[in-house]
Amino acid sequence: MATSRQLRDEIAAGKRDAALAALYGGSKSVLDRQRSRYCAALDQFELYYGPGRQVQVYSAPGRTELGGNHTDHQHGYGLAGAVTLDLVAVASRNEDGFIRVKSRGFNKLDVIDLTEAEPQQGESTHSASLIRGIADGLRTKGFGIGGFDAYTASDVLRGSGLSSSAAFEMGMAVILNTEYGCGLDAPALARICQFAENAYFGKPSGLLDQLTSAVGGVLFADFADPAAPKIEKIHADGVLPEGMTLCVTDTRASHSELTGEFAAIRKEMEAVAACLGGKVLGEVSEARFWQELPRLRACCGDRAVLRAIHYFEENARTLAQREALTAGDFAAFVRLVEASGHSSFELCQNVYCAASPQYQGLSAALALSQSILAGSGGAWRMQGGGFAGTIQAFVPDALVERYCAAMESIFGPGCCYLLCLREQGAMQVL
């Protein structure tokens, strides 16, 4: 194991290029950027924790949702792809029983005393709660974990729908799993991260984000049994055909303060399910739902009913998307992507907050995308939890320059990201 300075010198000299190229690609511009980024993270680790420490470097990817908007928590299907935007963590094991994490862009140093396992007052919705919850999840399974010191630098847009939270969680989990030899596989780590987000952070999220960051590639998941979801990894190579680029536009309105809006979707879907004798919509019959529609409207309200319709349609659509990708039928896939986007807007109603209709950045981005991409063979949709954050578009290469310029004219320079899918999940890099 190398010290932070030794590793920094090796990266700067290009001796670690193979490991970086495997994650991010081997072009000169990409490698130059990643060398600089990794070296800066190592420098910052030394600044906070001192020189001479033996370190290891970890990476956990963000993800882009390809299908299954708000279906996973109802025990339906999900489809997502890991992307090359990631969290990098420089970490060194310690012996004092504390986890300390300094994250770029945040003033606070998270300090977690591992003797305090329970959720702490005032810690929910903060990163410290995630770290504490992951540590507790591992200890509950009987692993003798301890402390570490870490510095993280994330390129995953915060509050954007690319799941910066899952990347952070998986970064913390893979550090503990590696440093303390727990030996858990990627899906098991993802479940621990979901537990931390649900029980400690206070967000009732599903599992798809964490699974995709953990496993990598394009992930199709069946959540009929959420404790043991059936997953299928579709290798990232060849998913996007020649001449098509995946673009994500950040509308620069964070959804990090909208936990209540996200929770309402799940609550309303489950209220409909309860009226039909189930806990979640995945447990009830769609045919019976339509038969009981008048009663459900009276009991649950129209928005809840419309969100349930979105679930049934989106779930079937996600399975069709998986079939299109495995068959190599990209044209069919993008038609389904576009239909998914319309369903999120019209039925799930998670493109903007009804309480703040004057703020509709996602709506504007989708309308602009439609004006440019309609009839081109591309597609566009809202992604993630919704209400703010990012949209996704599949853009023919001939339109990429025009598309990015149009988005930047509204949302500012640098808002449009050209993404590559990533084969690897959360892992030790160096």
Protein backbone atom coordinates (compact mmCIF):
# COMPACT_ATOMS: atom_id res chain seq x y z
CA MET A 1 0.00 0.00 0.00
CA ALA A 2 1.37 3.41 -0.97
CA THR A 3 1.39 6.64 1.01
CA SER A 4 -0.67 9.54 -0.26
CA ARG A 5 2.44 11.25 -1.62
CA GLN A 6 3.77 8.15 -3.33
CA LEU A 7 0.44 7.51 -4.98
CA ARG A 8 0.12 11.12 -6.06
CA ASP A 9 3.55 11.05 -7.73
CA GLU A 10 2.72 7.81 -9.54
CA ILE A 11 -0.56 9.22 -10.85
CA ALA A 12 1.09 12.46 -11.99
CA ALA A 13 3.76 10.45 -13.84
CA GLY A 14 1.11 8.43 -15.70
CA LYS A 15 1.95 5.16 -13.96
CA ARG A 16 -1.68 4.60 -12.96
CA ASP A 17 -3.21 5.49 -16.32
CA ALA A 18 -4.42 1.95 -17.02
CA ALA A 19 -6.63 1.92 -13.94
CA LEU A 20 -8.03 5.36 -14.76
CA ALA A 21 -8.61 4.52 -18.42
CA ALA A 22 -10.58 1.41 -17.46
CA LEU A 23 -13.08 3.62 -15.63
CA TYR A 24 -13.19 6.80 -17.66
CA GLY A 25 -11.76 6.08 -21.12
CA GLY A 26 -8.30 6.49 -22.53
CA SER A 27 -8.38 9.78 -24.41
CA LYS A 28 -5.69 12.31 -23.51
CA SER A 29 -8.16 14.95 -22.33
CA VAL A 30 -10.00 12.47 -20.11
CA LEU A 31 -6.81 11.09 -18.57
CA ASP A 32 -5.40 14.58 -18.02
CA ARG A 33 -8.55 15.57 -16.17
CA GLN A 34 -8.70 12.44 -14.02
CA ARG A 35 -5.00 12.59 -13.10
CA SER A 36 -5.49 16.16 -11.95
CA ARG A 37 -8.65 15.26 -10.06
CA TYR A 38 -7.13 12.27 -8.25
CA CYS A 39 -3.96 14.21 -7.39
CA ALA A 40 -6.03 17.06 -5.97
CA ALA A 41 -8.00 14.61 -3.81
CA LEU A 42 -4.76 13.13 -2.45
CA ASP A 43 -3.42 16.60 -1.70
CA GLN A 44 -6.61 17.46 0.18
CA PHE A 45 -6.42 14.23 2.15
CA GLU A 46 -2.95 15.24 3.36
CA LEU A 47 -4.17 18.73 4.18
CA TYR A 48 -6.85 17.39 6.54
CA TYR A 49 -5.19 14.25 7.91
CA GLY A 50 -1.47 14.81 7.53
CA PRO A 51 1.28 13.36 5.28
CA GLY A 52 2.73 9.87 5.38
CA ARG A 53 -0.56 7.96 5.70
CA GLN A 54 -1.00 4.79 3.70
CA VAL A 55 -4.11 5.21 1.59
CA GLN A 56 -6.38 3.49 -0.88
CA VAL A 57 -8.60 5.21 -3.44
CA TYR A 58 -12.18 4.23 -4.18
CA SER A 59 -14.76 5.17 -6.81
CA ALA A 60 -18.54 4.91 -6.82
CA PRO A 61 -20.52 5.95 -9.91
CA GLY A 62 -23.63 8.01 -10.23
CA ARG A 63 -26.45 6.59 -12.25
CA THR A 64 -28.91 7.68 -14.86
CA GLU A 65 -32.41 6.27 -14.74
CA LEU A 66 -33.30 4.70 -18.08
CA GLY A 67 -36.76 3.43 -17.19
CA GLY A 68 -38.97 2.68 -14.23
CA ASN A 69 -39.68 6.12 -12.80
CA HIS A 70 -41.05 5.52 -9.28
CA THR A 71 -41.66 1.81 -9.84
CA ASP A 72 -38.99 0.21 -7.66
CA HIS A 73 -40.53 1.16 -4.31
CA GLN A 74 -43.79 -0.45 -5.47
CA HIS A 75 -42.03 -3.79 -6.08
CA GLY A 76 -41.96 -3.30 -9.84
CA TYR A 77 -39.21 -3.21 -12.43
CA GLY A 78 -36.32 -0.73 -12.68
CA LEU A 79 -33.79 0.08 -15.39
CA ALA A 80 -30.76 2.30 -14.82
CA GLY A 81 -27.22 2.78 -16.05
CA ALA A 82 -24.05 3.61 -14.14
CA VAL A 83 -22.25 6.65 -15.57
CA THR A 84 -18.69 7.92 -15.57
CA LEU A 85 -19.56 10.82 -13.27
CA ASP A 86 -18.47 9.44 -9.90
CA LEU A 87 -17.42 10.02 -6.33
CA VAL A 88 -13.72 9.46 -5.60
CA ALA A 89 -12.67 8.79 -2.01
CA VAL A 90 -9.15 8.71 -0.58
CA ALA A 91 -9.25 6.67 2.63
CA SER A 92 -6.96 5.43 5.36
CA ARG A 93 -7.93 3.05 8.13
CA ASN A 94 -7.48 4.28 11.71
CA GLU A 95 -7.55 2.63 15.13
CA ASP A 96 -9.43 5.18 17.24
CA GLY A 97 -12.99 4.11 16.52
CA PHE A 98 -14.02 7.24 14.63
CA ILE A 99 -14.98 7.76 11.00
CA ARG A 100 -14.02 11.19 9.69
CA VAL A 101 -15.08 12.30 6.23
CA LYS A 102 -14.38 15.63 4.57
CA SER A 103 -16.23 16.14 1.30
CA ARG A 104 -15.26 18.70 -1.31
CA GLY A 105 -17.71 21.58 -1.41
CA PHE A 106 -18.94 21.11 2.16
CA ASN A 107 -17.49 23.08 5.05
CA LYS A 108 -18.25 20.50 7.72
CA LEU A 109 -16.04 17.56 8.65
CA ASP A 110 -18.31 14.60 9.43
CA VAL A 111 -17.12 12.85 12.60
CA ILE A 112 -18.89 9.64 13.60
CA ASP A 113 -18.19 7.99 16.95
CA LEU A 114 -18.76 4.30 16.27
CA THR A 115 -19.69 3.66 19.90
CA GLU A 116 -22.91 5.62 19.17
CA ALA A 117 -24.82 3.28 16.87
CA GLU A 118 -28.31 4.75 17.07
CA PRO A 119 -29.52 7.67 14.93
CA GLN A 120 -28.42 10.92 16.54
CA GLN A 121 -30.61 13.93 17.18
CA GLY A 122 -30.29 16.56 14.44
CA GLU A 123 -28.29 14.25 12.16
CA SER A 124 -31.07 13.05 9.83
CA THR A 125 -30.96 14.36 6.23
CA HIS A 126 -27.20 14.94 6.64
CA SER A 127 -24.34 12.86 5.29
CA ALA A 128 -23.21 11.84 8.77
CA SER A 129 -26.45 9.91 9.21
CA LEU A 130 -25.70 7.87 6.09
CA ILE A 131 -22.21 6.97 7.33
CA ARG A 132 -23.53 6.00 10.76
CA GLY A 133 -26.33 3.93 9.24
CA ILE A 134 -23.99 2.04 6.91
CA ALA A 135 -21.62 1.28 9.79
CA ASP A 136 -24.53 0.07 11.92
CA GLY A 137 -25.85 -2.05 9.07
CA LEU A 138 -22.52 -3.84 8.74
CA ARG A 139 -22.17 -4.36 12.49
CA THR A 140 -25.71 -5.75 12.67
CA LYS A 141 -24.58 -8.42 10.21
CA GLY A 142 -21.77 -9.34 12.58
CA PHE A 143 -18.79 -7.58 10.96
CA GLY A 144 -16.12 -6.09 13.21
CA ILE A 145 -15.63 -2.77 11.49
CA GLY A 146 -13.68 0.22 12.77
CA GLY A 147 -12.75 3.74 11.84
CA PHE A 148 -11.22 5.44 8.83
CA ASP A 149 -10.33 8.93 7.65
CA ALA A 150 -11.41 9.96 4.15
CA TYR A 151 -11.58 12.83 1.71
CA THR A 152 -14.18 12.67 -1.06
CA ALA A 153 -14.55 14.56 -4.31
CA SER A 154 -17.73 13.98 -6.30
CA ASP A 155 -18.52 14.90 -9.89
CA VAL A 156 -22.07 13.59 -9.50
CA LEU A 157 -24.31 16.63 -9.61
CA ARG A 158 -25.85 17.10 -6.17
CA GLY A 159 -29.63 17.14 -6.06
CA SER A 160 -29.78 16.47 -9.79
CA GLY A 161 -31.37 13.08 -10.28
CA LEU A 162 -28.02 11.38 -10.98
CA SER A 163 -28.03 10.04 -7.43
CA SER A 164 -25.13 11.73 -5.73
CA SER A 165 -26.48 10.23 -2.50
CA ALA A 166 -26.17 6.64 -3.76
CA ALA A 167 -22.62 7.34 -4.99
CA PHE A 168 -21.70 8.73 -1.55
CA GLU A 169 -23.33 5.82 0.25
CA MET A 170 -21.66 3.22 -1.93
CA GLY A 171 -18.32 5.00 -1.54
CA MET A 172 -18.59 4.75 2.23
CA ALA A 173 -19.80 1.15 2.08
CA VAL A 174 -17.04 -0.08 -0.21
CA ILE A 175 -14.41 1.58 2.02
CA LEU A 176 -15.67 -0.27 5.10
CA ASN A 177 -16.18 -3.50 3.16
CA THR A 178 -12.59 -3.39 1.84
CA GLU A 179 -10.69 -1.92 4.77
CA TYR A 180 -12.23 -4.36 7.24
CA GLY A 181 -12.48 -7.42 5.01
CA CYS A 182 -16.25 -7.87 5.24
CA GLY A 183 -16.44 -9.58 1.87
CA LEU A 184 -20.03 -8.62 1.05
CA ASP A 185 -21.05 -8.63 -2.61
CA ALA A 186 -22.39 -5.57 -4.39
CA PRO A 187 -26.13 -6.23 -3.93
CA ALA A 188 -25.66 -6.84 -0.19
CA LEU A 189 -23.80 -3.55 0.17
CA ALA A 190 -26.54 -1.79 -1.77
CA ARG A 191 -29.18 -3.09 0.66
CA ILE A 192 -27.18 -1.78 3.61
CA CYS A 193 -26.99 1.63 1.93
CA GLN A 194 -30.74 1.63 1.37
CA PHE A 195 -31.24 0.78 5.05
CA ALA A 196 -29.06 3.76 6.01
CA GLU A 197 -30.99 6.10 3.73
CA ASN A 198 -34.36 4.89 4.99
CA ALA A 199 -33.70 4.47 8.71
CA TYR A 200 -31.00 7.07 9.42
CA PHE A 201 -31.24 9.74 6.70
CA GLY A 202 -35.04 9.64 6.69
CA LYS A 203 -35.74 9.25 2.97
CA PRO A 204 -38.06 6.36 1.98
CA SER A 205 -36.13 5.50 -1.18
CA GLY A 206 -36.17 2.30 -3.19
CA LEU A 207 -33.09 0.23 -3.95
CA LEU A 208 -32.41 0.84 -7.65
CA ASP A 209 -30.01 3.77 -7.20
CA GLN A 210 -27.77 1.92 -4.79
CA LEU A 211 -27.87 -1.31 -6.82
CA THR A 212 -26.81 0.47 -10.01
CA SER A 213 -23.94 2.28 -8.30
CA ALA A 214 -22.89 -0.99 -6.67
CA VAL A 215 -23.08 -3.27 -9.72
CA GLY A 216 -22.38 -0.95 -12.67
CA GLY A 217 -23.36 -1.38 -16.31
CA VAL A 218 -27.03 -1.16 -17.28
CA LEU A 219 -29.07 -2.83 -14.58
CA PHE A 220 -32.53 -4.34 -14.95
CA ALA A 221 -34.08 -5.22 -11.62
CA ASP A 222 -37.25 -7.02 -10.58
CA PHE A 223 -38.27 -5.89 -7.09
CA ALA A 224 -41.16 -8.33 -6.58
CA ASP A 225 -39.16 -9.52 -3.56
CA PRO A 226 -37.39 -6.34 -2.46
CA ALA A 227 -35.28 -8.22 0.09
CA ALA A 228 -33.77 -10.27 -2.74
CA PRO A 229 -34.41 -8.48 -6.05
CA LYS A 230 -33.66 -10.34 -9.23
CA ILE A 231 -31.08 -8.38 -11.19
CA GLU A 232 -29.72 -8.65 -14.69
CA LYS A 233 -26.66 -6.73 -15.79
CA ILE A 234 -26.68 -5.63 -19.41
CA HIS A 235 -23.11 -4.78 -20.38
CA ALA A 236 -22.64 -1.11 -21.15
CA ASP A 237 -20.73 -1.62 -24.40
CA GLY A 238 -23.07 -1.38 -27.37
CA VAL A 239 -26.10 -0.03 -25.51
CA LEU A 240 -25.76 3.35 -27.24
CA PRO A 241 -25.44 2.95 -31.02
CA GLU A 242 -22.94 4.85 -33.14
CA GLY A 243 -24.08 8.41 -33.69
CA MET A 244 -26.15 8.76 -30.51
CA THR A 245 -25.10 10.65 -27.37
CA LEU A 246 -26.65 10.55 -23.92
CA CYS A 247 -27.05 14.10 -22.62
CA VAL A 248 -28.14 15.16 -19.14
CA THR A 249 -29.08 18.77 -18.49
CA ASP A 250 -28.89 20.20 -14.99
CA THR A 251 -31.64 22.79 -14.59
CA ARG A 252 -29.76 24.00 -11.51
CA ALA A 253 -32.66 23.81 -9.12
CA SER A 254 -31.78 21.26 -6.45
CA HIS A 255 -34.35 18.69 -5.38
CA SER A 256 -32.45 17.99 -2.17
CA GLU A 257 -35.10 19.80 -0.08
CA LEU A 258 -38.04 18.00 -1.67
CA THR A 259 -38.07 14.80 0.35
CA GLY A 260 -41.72 15.38 1.27
CA GLU A 261 -42.75 15.57 -2.37
CA PHE A 262 -40.97 12.28 -3.14
CA ALA A 263 -42.51 10.63 -0.10
CA ALA A 264 -45.99 11.71 -1.20
CA ILE A 265 -45.68 9.71 -4.43
CA ARG A 266 -44.96 6.53 -2.53
CA LYS A 267 -47.60 7.28 0.11
CA GLU A 268 -50.31 7.89 -2.49
CA MET A 269 -49.44 4.80 -4.53
CA GLU A 270 -49.55 2.70 -1.37
CA ALA A 271 -52.86 4.22 -0.34
CA VAL A 272 -54.35 2.93 -3.60
CA ALA A 273 -52.75 -0.47 -3.01
CA ALA A 274 -54.18 -0.61 0.53
CA CYS A 275 -57.69 -0.05 -0.82
CA LEU A 276 -57.15 -3.10 -3.02
CA GLY A 277 -55.82 -5.26 -0.20
CA GLY A 278 -52.09 -4.89 -0.85
CA LYS A 279 -49.18 -3.03 0.67
CA VAL A 280 -47.73 -1.85 -2.64
CA LEU A 281 -49.05 -1.67 -6.19
CA GLY A 282 -46.89 -4.59 -7.25
CA GLU A 283 -49.10 -6.81 -5.08
CA VAL A 284 -52.43 -5.86 -6.65
CA SER A 285 -54.16 -6.64 -9.94
CA GLU A 286 -54.20 -3.96 -12.59
CA ALA A 287 -57.49 -5.34 -13.92
CA ARG A 288 -59.07 -4.99 -10.48
CA PHE A 289 -57.65 -1.46 -10.20
CA TRP A 290 -59.60 -0.41 -13.30
CA GLN A 291 -62.74 -2.17 -12.06
CA GLU A 292 -62.52 -0.32 -8.73
CA LEU A 293 -61.61 3.06 -10.22
CA PRO A 294 -64.70 5.00 -9.04
CA ARG A 295 -64.23 3.80 -5.44
CA LEU A 296 -60.49 4.49 -5.55
CA ARG A 297 -61.06 8.05 -6.73
CA ALA A 298 -63.38 8.66 -3.80
CA CYS A 299 -61.10 7.04 -1.25
CA CYS A 300 -57.67 8.20 -2.39
CA GLY A 301 -58.18 11.22 -4.65
CA ASP A 302 -57.47 11.69 -8.32
CA ARG A 303 -53.74 12.38 -8.06
CA ALA A 304 -53.15 9.11 -6.23
CA VAL A 305 -55.17 7.26 -8.87
CA LEU A 306 -53.25 8.88 -11.71
CA ARG A 307 -49.96 7.98 -10.04
CA ALA A 308 -51.13 4.39 -9.77
CA ILE A 309 -51.94 4.38 -13.49
CA HIS A 310 -48.41 5.67 -14.10
CA TYR A 311 -47.05 2.77 -12.10
CA PHE A 312 -48.89 0.09 -14.07
CA GLU A 313 -48.01 1.62 -17.44
CA GLU A 314 -44.41 2.45 -16.52
CA ASN A 315 -43.80 -1.02 -15.13
CA ALA A 316 -44.88 -2.69 -18.38
CA ARG A 317 -42.89 -0.13 -20.34
CA THR A 318 -39.72 -0.85 -18.35
CA LEU A 319 -39.92 -4.54 -19.16
CA ALA A 320 -40.34 -3.63 -22.82
CA GLN A 321 -37.29 -1.35 -22.62
CA ARG A 322 -35.21 -4.20 -21.24
CA GLU A 323 -36.38 -6.44 -24.09
CA ALA A 324 -35.54 -3.73 -26.65
CA LEU A 325 -32.02 -3.28 -25.28
CA THR A 326 -31.25 -6.99 -25.15
CA ALA A 327 -32.55 -7.34 -28.72
CA GLY A 328 -30.43 -4.39 -29.88
CA ASP A 329 -33.54 -2.48 -31.00
CA PHE A 330 -32.55 1.03 -30.00
CA ALA A 331 -35.33 2.65 -32.04
CA ALA A 332 -37.94 0.81 -30.00
CA PHE A 333 -36.08 1.70 -26.80
CA VAL A 334 -36.12 5.47 -27.44
CA ARG A 335 -39.83 5.42 -28.31
CA LEU A 336 -40.42 3.91 -24.89
CA VAL A 337 -38.14 6.52 -23.28
CA GLU A 338 -40.26 9.30 -24.75
CA ALA A 339 -43.48 7.63 -23.57
CA SER A 340 -42.00 7.32 -20.08
CA GLY A 341 -41.29 11.03 -20.01
CA HIS A 342 -44.84 11.91 -20.95
CA SER A 343 -46.21 9.57 -18.29
CA SER A 344 -44.08 11.18 -15.58
CA PHE A 345 -45.40 14.61 -16.58
CA GLU A 346 -49.05 13.73 -17.09
CA LEU A 347 -49.71 10.92 -14.60
CA CYS A 348 -47.00 10.74 -11.94
CA GLN A 349 -46.93 14.55 -11.92
CA ASN A 350 -43.39 14.83 -10.61
CA VAL A 351 -41.96 17.30 -13.11
CA TYR A 352 -42.77 20.36 -10.99
CA CYS A 353 -44.26 21.12 -7.58
CA ALA A 354 -47.93 22.02 -7.65
CA ALA A 355 -47.27 24.33 -4.68
CA SER A 356 -44.73 26.35 -6.71
CA PRO A 357 -45.97 26.38 -10.32
CA GLN A 358 -43.87 29.44 -11.13
CA TYR A 359 -40.74 27.28 -10.97
CA GLN A 360 -40.78 24.80 -13.84
CA GLY A 361 -37.21 24.37 -15.00
CA LEU A 362 -37.73 20.71 -15.88
CA SER A 363 -40.85 21.55 -17.89
CA ALA A 364 -38.97 24.20 -19.86
CA ALA A 365 -36.06 21.85 -20.52
CA LEU A 366 -38.39 19.11 -21.74
CA ALA A 367 -40.28 21.50 -24.02
CA LEU A 368 -37.04 22.78 -25.52
CA SER A 369 -35.81 19.21 -26.01
CA GLN A 370 -38.99 18.32 -27.84
CA SER A 371 -38.65 21.33 -30.14
CA ILE A 372 -35.13 20.24 -31.16
CA LEU A 373 -35.38 16.45 -31.12
CA ALA A 374 -38.89 15.67 -32.36
CA GLY A 375 -38.63 13.46 -35.45
CA SER A 376 -34.85 13.06 -35.15
CA GLY A 377 -34.76 9.54 -33.74
CA GLY A 378 -33.79 10.87 -30.31
CA ALA A 379 -35.83 11.02 -27.12
CA TRP A 380 -36.16 13.03 -23.91
CA ARG A 381 -37.56 12.47 -20.41
CA MET A 382 -37.48 13.65 -16.82
CA GLN A 383 -35.39 11.34 -14.65
CA GLY A 384 -34.98 10.56 -10.99
CA GLY A 385 -37.27 11.59 -8.17
CA GLY A 386 -38.38 14.65 -10.07
CA PHE A 387 -39.71 18.12 -9.23
CA ALA A 388 -36.29 19.66 -9.96
CA GLY A 389 -32.84 18.54 -11.05
CA THR A 390 -32.08 17.05 -14.44
CA ILE A 391 -33.58 15.79 -17.64
CA GLN A 392 -32.15 13.12 -19.91
CA ALA A 393 -32.00 13.12 -23.70
CA PHE A 394 -30.70 10.77 -26.36
CA VAL A 395 -29.37 13.14 -29.00
CA PRO A 396 -28.15 12.32 -32.52
CA ASP A 397 -24.56 13.47 -32.86
CA ALA A 398 -25.49 15.94 -35.61
CA LEU A 399 -27.69 17.80 -33.10
CA VAL A 400 -25.49 17.65 -30.00
CA GLU A 401 -23.86 21.05 -30.49
CA ARG A 402 -27.18 22.76 -31.15
CA TYR A 403 -28.86 20.94 -28.26
CA CYS A 404 -26.19 21.82 -25.70
CA ALA A 405 -26.08 25.45 -26.84
CA ALA A 406 -29.85 25.75 -26.48
CA MET A 407 -29.81 24.28 -22.98
CA GLU A 408 -26.92 26.50 -21.90
CA SER A 409 -28.76 29.58 -23.21
CA ILE A 410 -31.44 28.92 -20.59
CA PHE A 411 -29.70 27.19 -17.70
CA GLY A 412 -26.19 28.57 -17.99
CA PRO A 413 -22.77 27.46 -19.23
CA GLY A 414 -21.78 23.91 -18.38
CA CYS A 415 -25.31 22.72 -17.59
CA CYS A 416 -25.37 20.08 -20.34
CA TYR A 417 -23.31 16.95 -19.70
CA LEU A 418 -22.38 14.37 -22.33
CA LEU A 419 -22.39 11.08 -20.43
CA CYS A 420 -20.80 7.72 -21.00
CA LEU A 421 -22.12 4.55 -19.43
CA ARG A 422 -19.77 2.80 -17.03
CA GLU A 423 -19.28 -0.95 -16.77
CA GLN A 424 -17.79 -1.00 -13.26
CA GLY A 425 -19.69 -0.48 -10.03
CA ALA A 426 -18.31 0.86 -6.74
CA MET A 427 -14.78 -0.39 -6.26
CA GLN A 428 -11.26 0.17 -5.05
CA VAL A 429 -9.38 1.86 -7.90
CA LEU A 430 -5.86 2.29 -6.47
